[in-house]
Amino acid sequence: DTLGGHLDDMEADWSKPIVSLSLGCKAIFLLGGKSREDAPIAMFLRSGDVVLMAGEARECFH
């Protein structure tokens, strides 16, 4: 399954990081910029991998 690029922007407090935990199958995680036009960086994740997005990365599409 897939999840389209999005921002987690519904929280009132953006000072807390976003944590993404990969479970099960391998996946390609795309981390873009602050706009949809910014080219994303592809990260290959395996089960048990964790991505932590804080600071400016908190404001990026993923």
PDB file of N, CA and C in Angstrom:
ATOM      1  N   ASP A   1       0.829  -1.184   0.000  1.00  0.00           N
ATOM      2  CA  ASP A   1       0.000   0.000   0.000  1.00  0.00           C
ATOM      3  C   ASP A   1       0.872   1.246   0.000  1.00  0.00           C
ATOM      4  N   THR A   2       0.284   2.352  -0.382  1.00  0.00           N
ATOM      5  CA  THR A   2       1.024   3.613  -0.424  1.00  0.00           C
ATOM      6  C   THR A   2       0.248   4.710   0.295  1.00  0.00           C
ATOM      7  N   LEU A   3       0.966   5.738   0.658  1.00  0.00           N
ATOM      8  CA  LEU A   3       0.391   6.931   1.262  1.00  0.00           C
ATOM      9  C   LEU A   3       0.972   8.106   0.500  1.00  0.00           C
ATOM     10  N   GLY A   4       0.115   8.975  -0.013  1.00  0.00           N
ATOM     11  CA  GLY A   4       0.588  10.108  -0.795  1.00  0.00           C
ATOM     12  C   GLY A   4       1.373  11.101   0.043  1.00  0.00           C
ATOM     13  N   GLY A   5       2.204  11.903  -0.639  1.00  0.00           N
ATOM     14  CA  GLY A   5       2.985  12.921   0.045  1.00  0.00           C
ATOM     15  C   GLY A   5       2.084  13.884   0.798  1.00  0.00           C
ATOM     16  N   HIS A   6       2.447  14.201   2.021  1.00  0.00           N
ATOM     17  CA  HIS A   6       1.626  15.059   2.864  1.00  0.00           C
ATOM     18  C   HIS A   6       2.486  15.744   3.922  1.00  0.00           C
ATOM     19  N   LEU A   7       1.871  16.679   4.609  1.00  0.00           N
ATOM     20  CA  LEU A   7       2.465  17.325   5.783  1.00  0.00           C
ATOM     21  C   LEU A   7       1.627  16.931   6.992  1.00  0.00           C
ATOM     22  N   ASP A   8       2.261  16.664   8.105  1.00  0.00           N
ATOM     23  CA  ASP A   8       1.530  16.464   9.353  1.00  0.00           C
ATOM     24  C   ASP A   8       1.409  17.835  10.006  1.00  0.00           C
ATOM     25  N   ASP A   9       0.406  18.590   9.549  1.00  0.00           N
ATOM     26  CA  ASP A   9       0.309  19.991   9.962  1.00  0.00           C
ATOM     27  C   ASP A   9      -0.941  20.314  10.779  1.00  0.00           C
ATOM     28  N   MET A  10      -1.603  19.304  11.303  1.00  0.00           N
ATOM     29  CA  MET A  10      -2.822  19.548  12.067  1.00  0.00           C
ATOM     30  C   MET A  10      -2.552  19.797  13.558  1.00  0.00           C
ATOM     31  N   GLU A  11      -1.342  19.485  14.015  1.00  0.00           N
ATOM     32  CA  GLU A  11      -1.024  19.679  15.420  1.00  0.00           C
ATOM     33  C   GLU A  11      -0.831  21.162  15.734  1.00  0.00           C
ATOM     34  N   ALA A  12      -1.218  21.554  16.931  1.00  0.00           N
ATOM     35  CA  ALA A  12      -1.028  22.945  17.353  1.00  0.00           C
ATOM     36  C   ALA A  12       0.429  23.223  17.714  1.00  0.00           C
ATOM     37  N   ASP A  13       1.141  22.208  18.192  1.00  0.00           N
ATOM     38  CA  ASP A  13       2.524  22.370  18.655  1.00  0.00           C
ATOM     39  C   ASP A  13       3.471  21.636  17.712  1.00  0.00           C
ATOM     40  N   TRP A  14       4.208  22.397  16.886  1.00  0.00           N
ATOM     41  CA  TRP A  14       5.130  21.798  15.915  1.00  0.00           C
ATOM     42  C   TRP A  14       6.524  21.594  16.501  1.00  0.00           C
ATOM     43  N   SER A  15       6.696  21.819  17.792  1.00  0.00           N
ATOM     44  CA  SER A  15       8.025  21.660  18.385  1.00  0.00           C
ATOM     45  C   SER A  15       8.377  20.194  18.628  1.00  0.00           C
ATOM     46  N   LYS A  16       7.383  19.324  18.607  1.00  0.00           N
ATOM     47  CA  LYS A  16       7.629  17.903  18.836  1.00  0.00           C
ATOM     48  C   LYS A  16       7.939  17.214  17.504  1.00  0.00           C
ATOM     49  N   PRO A  17       8.863  16.266  17.490  1.00  0.00           N
ATOM     50  CA  PRO A  17       9.241  15.599  16.233  1.00  0.00           C
ATOM     51  C   PRO A  17       8.171  14.621  15.752  1.00  0.00           C
ATOM     52  N   ILE A  18       8.286  14.264  14.481  1.00  0.00           N
ATOM     53  CA  ILE A  18       7.477  13.195  13.892  1.00  0.00           C
ATOM     54  C   ILE A  18       8.359  11.957  13.860  1.00  0.00           C
ATOM     55  N   VAL A  19       7.816  10.829  14.280  1.00  0.00           N
ATOM     56  CA  VAL A  19       8.551   9.571  14.263  1.00  0.00           C
ATOM     57  C   VAL A  19       7.822   8.611  13.335  1.00  0.00           C
ATOM     58  N   SER A  20       8.543   8.039  12.396  1.00  0.00           N
ATOM     59  CA  SER A  20       7.988   7.039  11.485  1.00  0.00           C
ATOM     60  C   SER A  20       8.720   5.725  11.726  1.00  0.00           C
ATOM     61  N   LEU A  21       7.964   4.684  12.069  1.00  0.00           N
ATOM     62  CA  LEU A  21       8.522   3.361  12.333  1.00  0.00           C
ATOM     63  C   LEU A  21       8.076   2.419  11.224  1.00  0.00           C
ATOM     64  N   SER A  22       9.026   1.777  10.581  1.00  0.00           N
ATOM     65  CA  SER A  22       8.731   0.845   9.499  1.00  0.00           C
ATOM     66  C   SER A  22       8.616  -0.570  10.068  1.00  0.00           C
ATOM     67  N   LEU A  23       7.482  -1.212   9.795  1.00  0.00           N
ATOM     68  CA  LEU A  23       7.247  -2.582  10.255  1.00  0.00           C
ATOM     69  C   LEU A  23       6.845  -3.455   9.076  1.00  0.00           C
ATOM     70  N   GLY A  24       7.433  -4.620   8.978  1.00  0.00           N
ATOM     71  CA  GLY A  24       7.053  -5.560   7.926  1.00  0.00           C
ATOM     72  C   GLY A  24       7.944  -5.462   6.707  1.00  0.00           C
ATOM     73  N   CYS A  25       7.340  -5.193   5.571  1.00  0.00           N
ATOM     74  CA  CYS A  25       8.050  -5.194   4.284  1.00  0.00           C
ATOM     75  C   CYS A  25       8.974  -3.986   4.134  1.00  0.00           C
ATOM     76  N   LYS A  26       9.919  -4.122   3.216  1.00  0.00           N
ATOM     77  CA  LYS A  26      10.785  -2.996   2.849  1.00  0.00           C
ATOM     78  C   LYS A  26       9.921  -1.917   2.205  1.00  0.00           C
ATOM     79  N   ALA A  27      10.377  -0.669   2.307  1.00  0.00           N
ATOM     80  CA  ALA A  27       9.617   0.441   1.735  1.00  0.00           C
ATOM     81  C   ALA A  27      10.560   1.547   1.293  1.00  0.00           C
ATOM     82  N   ILE A  28      10.083   2.356   0.367  1.00  0.00           N
ATOM     83  CA  ILE A  28      10.791   3.567  -0.041  1.00  0.00           C
ATOM     84  C   ILE A  28      10.081   4.730   0.639  1.00  0.00           C
ATOM     85  N   PHE A  29      10.821   5.487   1.447  1.00  0.00           N
ATOM     86  CA  PHE A  29      10.294   6.645   2.163  1.00  0.00           C
ATOM     87  C   PHE A  29      10.817   7.879   1.446  1.00  0.00           C
ATOM     88  N   LEU A  30       9.917   8.743   1.006  1.00  0.00           N
ATOM     89  CA  LEU A  30      10.312   9.955   0.288  1.00  0.00           C
ATOM     90  C   LEU A  30      10.207  11.158   1.210  1.00  0.00           C
ATOM     91  N   LEU A  31      11.308  11.886   1.347  1.00  0.00           N
ATOM     92  CA  LEU A  31      11.326  13.115   2.132  1.00  0.00           C
ATOM     93  C   LEU A  31      11.598  14.267   1.183  1.00  0.00           C
ATOM     94  N   GLY A  32      10.591  15.134   1.039  1.00  0.00           N
ATOM     95  CA  GLY A  32      10.698  16.260   0.125  1.00  0.00           C
ATOM     96  C   GLY A  32      11.066  17.539   0.856  1.00  0.00           C
ATOM     97  N   GLY A  33      10.712  18.640   0.231  1.00  0.00           N
ATOM     98  CA  GLY A  33      10.981  19.947   0.811  1.00  0.00           C
ATOM     99  C   GLY A  33       9.713  20.571   1.350  1.00  0.00           C
ATOM    100  N   LYS A  34       9.739  21.886   1.485  1.00  0.00           N
ATOM    101  CA  LYS A  34       8.593  22.592   2.045  1.00  0.00           C
ATOM    102  C   LYS A  34       7.474  22.813   1.033  1.00  0.00           C
ATOM    103  N   SER A  35       7.722  22.506  -0.234  1.00  0.00           N
ATOM    104  CA  SER A  35       6.666  22.581  -1.246  1.00  0.00           C
ATOM    105  C   SER A  35       6.678  21.295  -2.063  1.00  0.00           C
ATOM    106  N   ARG A  36       5.577  21.012  -2.719  1.00  0.00           N
ATOM    107  CA  ARG A  36       5.473  19.790  -3.530  1.00  0.00           C
ATOM    108  C   ARG A  36       6.416  19.815  -4.733  1.00  0.00           C
ATOM    109  N   GLU A  37       6.875  21.000  -5.122  1.00  0.00           N
ATOM    110  CA  GLU A  37       7.766  21.120  -6.274  1.00  0.00           C
ATOM    111  C   GLU A  37       9.202  20.698  -5.957  1.00  0.00           C
ATOM    112  N   ASP A  38       9.576  20.662  -4.692  1.00  0.00           N
ATOM    113  CA  ASP A  38      10.934  20.254  -4.299  1.00  0.00           C
ATOM    114  C   ASP A  38      11.105  18.755  -4.525  1.00  0.00           C
ATOM    115  N   ALA A  39      12.197  18.381  -5.177  1.00  0.00           N
ATOM    116  CA  ALA A  39      12.454  16.959  -5.452  1.00  0.00           C
ATOM    117  C   ALA A  39      12.717  16.215  -4.143  1.00  0.00           C
ATOM    118  N   PRO A  40      12.053  15.071  -3.946  1.00  0.00           N
ATOM    119  CA  PRO A  40      12.260  14.316  -2.708  1.00  0.00           C
ATOM    120  C   PRO A  40      13.541  13.489  -2.729  1.00  0.00           C
ATOM    121  N   ILE A  41      14.000  13.149  -1.544  1.00  0.00           N
ATOM    122  CA  ILE A  41      15.114  12.224  -1.350  1.00  0.00           C
ATOM    123  C   ILE A  41      14.504  10.874  -0.999  1.00  0.00           C
ATOM    124  N   ALA A  42      14.948   9.814  -1.670  1.00  0.00           N
ATOM    125  CA  ALA A  42      14.427   8.469  -1.402  1.00  0.00           C
ATOM    126  C   ALA A  42      15.295   7.775  -0.358  1.00  0.00           C
ATOM    127  N   MET A  43      14.644   7.199   0.637  1.00  0.00           N
ATOM    128  CA  MET A  43      15.330   6.401   1.659  1.00  0.00           C
ATOM    129  C   MET A  43      14.715   5.008   1.643  1.00  0.00           C
ATOM    130  N   PHE A  44      15.547   3.998   1.596  1.00  0.00           N
ATOM    131  CA  PHE A  44      15.070   2.623   1.590  1.00  0.00           C
ATOM    132  C   PHE A  44      15.022   2.126   3.030  1.00  0.00           C
ATOM    133  N   LEU A  45      13.823   1.816   3.501  1.00  0.00           N
ATOM    134  CA  LEU A  45      13.630   1.397   4.885  1.00  0.00           C
ATOM    135  C   LEU A  45      13.309  -0.085   4.964  1.00  0.00           C
ATOM    136  N   ARG A  46      13.837  -0.716   5.998  1.00  0.00           N
ATOM    137  CA  ARG A  46      13.529  -2.117   6.285  1.00  0.00           C
ATOM    138  C   ARG A  46      12.757  -2.177   7.598  1.00  0.00           C
ATOM    139  N   SER A  47      12.182  -3.314   7.880  1.00  0.00           N
ATOM    140  CA  SER A  47      11.437  -3.486   9.119  1.00  0.00           C
ATOM    141  C   SER A  47      12.325  -3.152  10.318  1.00  0.00           C
ATOM    142  N   GLY A  48      11.820  -2.313  11.187  1.00  0.00           N
ATOM    143  CA  GLY A  48      12.567  -1.895  12.367  1.00  0.00           C
ATOM    144  C   GLY A  48      13.270  -0.560  12.216  1.00  0.00           C
ATOM    145  N   ASP A  49      13.354  -0.031  10.993  1.00  0.00           N
ATOM    146  CA  ASP A  49      13.987   1.275  10.783  1.00  0.00           C
ATOM    147  C   ASP A  49      13.077   2.388  11.297  1.00  0.00           C
ATOM    148  N   VAL A  50      13.706   3.447  11.789  1.00  0.00           N
ATOM    149  CA  VAL A  50      12.988   4.597  12.329  1.00  0.00           C
ATOM    150  C   VAL A  50      13.475   5.854  11.624  1.00  0.00           C
ATOM    151  N   VAL A  51      12.542   6.729  11.249  1.00  0.00           N
ATOM    152  CA  VAL A  51      12.870   8.047  10.702  1.00  0.00           C
ATOM    153  C   VAL A  51      12.333   9.077  11.691  1.00  0.00           C
ATOM    154  N   LEU A  52      13.193   9.984  12.118  1.00  0.00           N
ATOM    155  CA  LEU A  52      12.819  11.045  13.042  1.00  0.00           C
ATOM    156  C   LEU A  52      12.916  12.369  12.297  1.00  0.00           C
ATOM    157  N   MET A  53      11.811  13.105  12.261  1.00  0.00           N
ATOM    158  CA  MET A  53      11.781  14.395  11.573  1.00  0.00           C
ATOM    159  C   MET A  53      11.530  15.486  12.610  1.00  0.00           C
ATOM    160  N   ALA A  54      12.530  16.354  12.779  1.00  0.00           N
ATOM    161  CA  ALA A  54      12.432  17.443  13.749  1.00  0.00           C
ATOM    162  C   ALA A  54      12.995  18.707  13.111  1.00  0.00           C
ATOM    163  N   GLY A  55      12.779  19.840  13.755  1.00  0.00           N
ATOM    164  CA  GLY A  55      13.290  21.098  13.217  1.00  0.00           C
ATOM    165  C   GLY A  55      12.693  21.381  11.847  1.00  0.00           C
ATOM    166  N   GLU A  56      13.543  21.781  10.887  1.00  0.00           N
ATOM    167  CA  GLU A  56      13.057  22.102   9.541  1.00  0.00           C
ATOM    168  C   GLU A  56      12.467  20.891   8.834  1.00  0.00           C
ATOM    169  N   ALA A  57      12.979  19.697   9.117  1.00  0.00           N
ATOM    170  CA  ALA A  57      12.440  18.485   8.485  1.00  0.00           C
ATOM    171  C   ALA A  57      10.984  18.266   8.880  1.00  0.00           C
ATOM    172  N   ARG A  58      10.582  18.799  10.025  1.00  0.00           N
ATOM    173  CA  ARG A  58       9.198  18.677  10.508  1.00  0.00           C
ATOM    174  C   ARG A  58       8.228  19.364   9.551  1.00  0.00           C
ATOM    175  N   GLU A  59       8.724  20.335   8.783  1.00  0.00           N
ATOM    176  CA  GLU A  59       7.885  21.126   7.883  1.00  0.00           C
ATOM    177  C   GLU A  59       7.920  20.625   6.445  1.00  0.00           C
ATOM    178  N   CYS A  60       8.544  19.486   6.198  1.00  0.00           N
ATOM    179  CA  CYS A  60       8.715  18.972   4.833  1.00  0.00           C
ATOM    180  C   CYS A  60       7.667  17.926   4.480  1.00  0.00           C
ATOM    181  N   PHE A  61       7.360  17.860   3.185  1.00  0.00           N
ATOM    182  CA  PHE A  61       6.460  16.816   2.694  1.00  0.00           C
ATOM    183  C   PHE A  61       7.147  15.469   2.837  1.00  0.00           C
ATOM    184  N   HIS A  62       6.358  14.455   3.145  1.00  0.00           N
ATOM    185  CA  HIS A  62       6.877  13.101   3.262  1.00  0.00           C
ATOM    186  C   HIS A  62       5.774  12.120   2.907  1.00  0.00           C
TER     187      HIS A  62
END
